C-alpha atoms as a PDB file:
ATOM      1  CA  MET A   1     109.853  82.346  87.367  1.00  0.00           C
ATOM      2  CA  HIS A   2     107.639  83.028  90.410  1.00  0.00           C
ATOM      3  CA  VAL A   3     104.857  85.519  89.825  1.00  0.00           C
ATOM      4  CA  ASN A   4     103.356  87.286  92.815  1.00  0.00           C
ATOM      5  CA  LYS A   5      99.584  86.892  92.579  1.00  0.00           C
ATOM      6  CA  VAL A   6      98.695  89.606  95.091  1.00  0.00           C
ATOM      7  CA  TYR A   7      97.467  92.555  93.053  1.00  0.00           C
ATOM      8  CA  ALA A   8      95.576  94.446  95.768  1.00  0.00           C
ATOM      9  CA  VAL A   9      95.189  94.567  99.534  1.00  0.00           C
ATOM     10  CA  PHE A  10      92.414  95.932 101.720  1.00  0.00           C
ATOM     11  CA  THR A  11      92.961  97.725 105.017  1.00  0.00           C
ATOM     12  CA  VAL A  12      91.086  96.792 108.161  1.00  0.00           C
ATOM     13  CA  ALA A  13      89.280 100.153 108.054  1.00  0.00           C
ATOM     14  CA  ARG A  14      88.135  99.506 104.465  1.00  0.00           C
ATOM     15  CA  LEU A  15      86.863  96.033 105.314  1.00  0.00           C
ATOM     16  CA  ALA A  16      84.998  97.369 108.337  1.00  0.00           C
ATOM     17  CA  LYS A  17      83.282  99.966 106.151  1.00  0.00           C
ATOM     18  CA  ASP A  18      82.240  97.647 103.307  1.00  0.00           C
ATOM     19  CA  PRO A  19      80.422  94.799 105.078  1.00  0.00           C
ATOM     20  CA  GLY A  20      79.502  96.861 108.123  1.00  0.00           C
ATOM     21  CA  GLU A  21      81.738  94.880 110.475  1.00  0.00           C
ATOM     22  CA  ASP A  22      83.243  96.408 113.593  1.00  0.00           C
ATOM     23  CA  GLU A  23      86.848  97.530 113.034  1.00  0.00           C
ATOM     24  CA  ASP A  24      87.916  96.495 116.550  1.00  0.00           C
ATOM     25  CA  TRP A  25      86.486  93.016 115.992  1.00  0.00           C
ATOM     26  CA  LEU A  26      88.402  92.711 112.708  1.00  0.00           C
ATOM     27  CA  TRP A  27      91.645  93.744 114.472  1.00  0.00           C
ATOM     28  CA  ASP A  28      91.057  91.021 117.087  1.00  0.00           C
ATOM     29  CA  VAL A  29      90.479  88.384 114.398  1.00  0.00           C
ATOM     30  CA  ALA A  30      93.463  89.533 112.330  1.00  0.00           C
ATOM     31  CA  ASN A  31      95.816  89.455 115.325  1.00  0.00           C
ATOM     32  CA  GLY A  32      95.387  85.687 115.395  1.00  0.00           C
ATOM     33  CA  MET A  33      96.221  85.311 111.692  1.00  0.00           C
ATOM     34  CA  ASP A  34      99.620  84.763 110.084  1.00  0.00           C
ATOM     35  CA  THR A  35     101.055  85.943 106.777  1.00  0.00           C
ATOM     36  CA  GLU A  36     100.153  82.547 105.306  1.00  0.00           C
ATOM     37  CA  ASP A  37      96.523  83.376 106.148  1.00  0.00           C
ATOM     38  CA  GLY A  38      96.624  86.488 103.961  1.00  0.00           C
ATOM     39  CA  VAL A  39      97.401  89.253 106.471  1.00  0.00           C
ATOM     40  CA  ILE A  40     100.231  91.648 105.694  1.00  0.00           C
ATOM     41  CA  TRP A  41     101.578  94.924 107.036  1.00  0.00           C
ATOM     42  CA  VAL A  42     101.845  97.912 104.705  1.00  0.00           C
ATOM     43  CA  TYR A  43     104.489 100.418 105.770  1.00  0.00           C
ATOM     44  CA  GLY A  44     104.364 104.097 104.885  1.00  0.00           C
ATOM     45  CA  ILE A  45     106.783 106.847 105.784  1.00  0.00           C
ATOM     46  CA  ASP A  46     105.165 107.737 109.104  1.00  0.00           C
ATOM     47  CA  ASP A  47     102.739 104.911 109.759  1.00  0.00           C
ATOM     48  CA  GLN A  48     101.865 101.284 109.155  1.00  0.00           C
ATOM     49  CA  VAL A  49      98.582  99.519 108.658  1.00  0.00           C
ATOM     50  CA  MET A  50      97.374  95.935 108.666  1.00  0.00           C
ATOM     51  CA  ALA A  51      95.868  94.774 105.397  1.00  0.00           C
ATOM     52  CA  PHE A  52      94.314  91.646 103.907  1.00  0.00           C
ATOM     53  CA  THR A  53      94.864  89.970 100.568  1.00  0.00           C
ATOM     54  CA  ASP A  54      91.840  88.428  98.817  1.00  0.00           C
ATOM     55  CA  PHE A  55      92.780  85.118 100.456  1.00  0.00           C
ATOM     56  CA  GLY A  56      92.917  86.847 103.853  1.00  0.00           C
ATOM     57  CA  ILE A  57      89.400  88.166 103.403  1.00  0.00           C
ATOM     58  CA  GLU A  58      88.145  84.667 102.628  1.00  0.00           C
ATOM     59  CA  THR A  59      90.030  83.231 105.605  1.00  0.00           C
END
């Protein structure tokens, strides 16, 4: 049985706040990444946001 190992994701805004990085710069970097690199989209009712898994943050 396959077990999903992703237990948390971090939004671009959260990552920009924590290390003091520029949110626009993070968006530019993330746009060049694929799902295999640890970037996912989280969909809400009215919006969507890009987020990173732990692996995505390391990448």
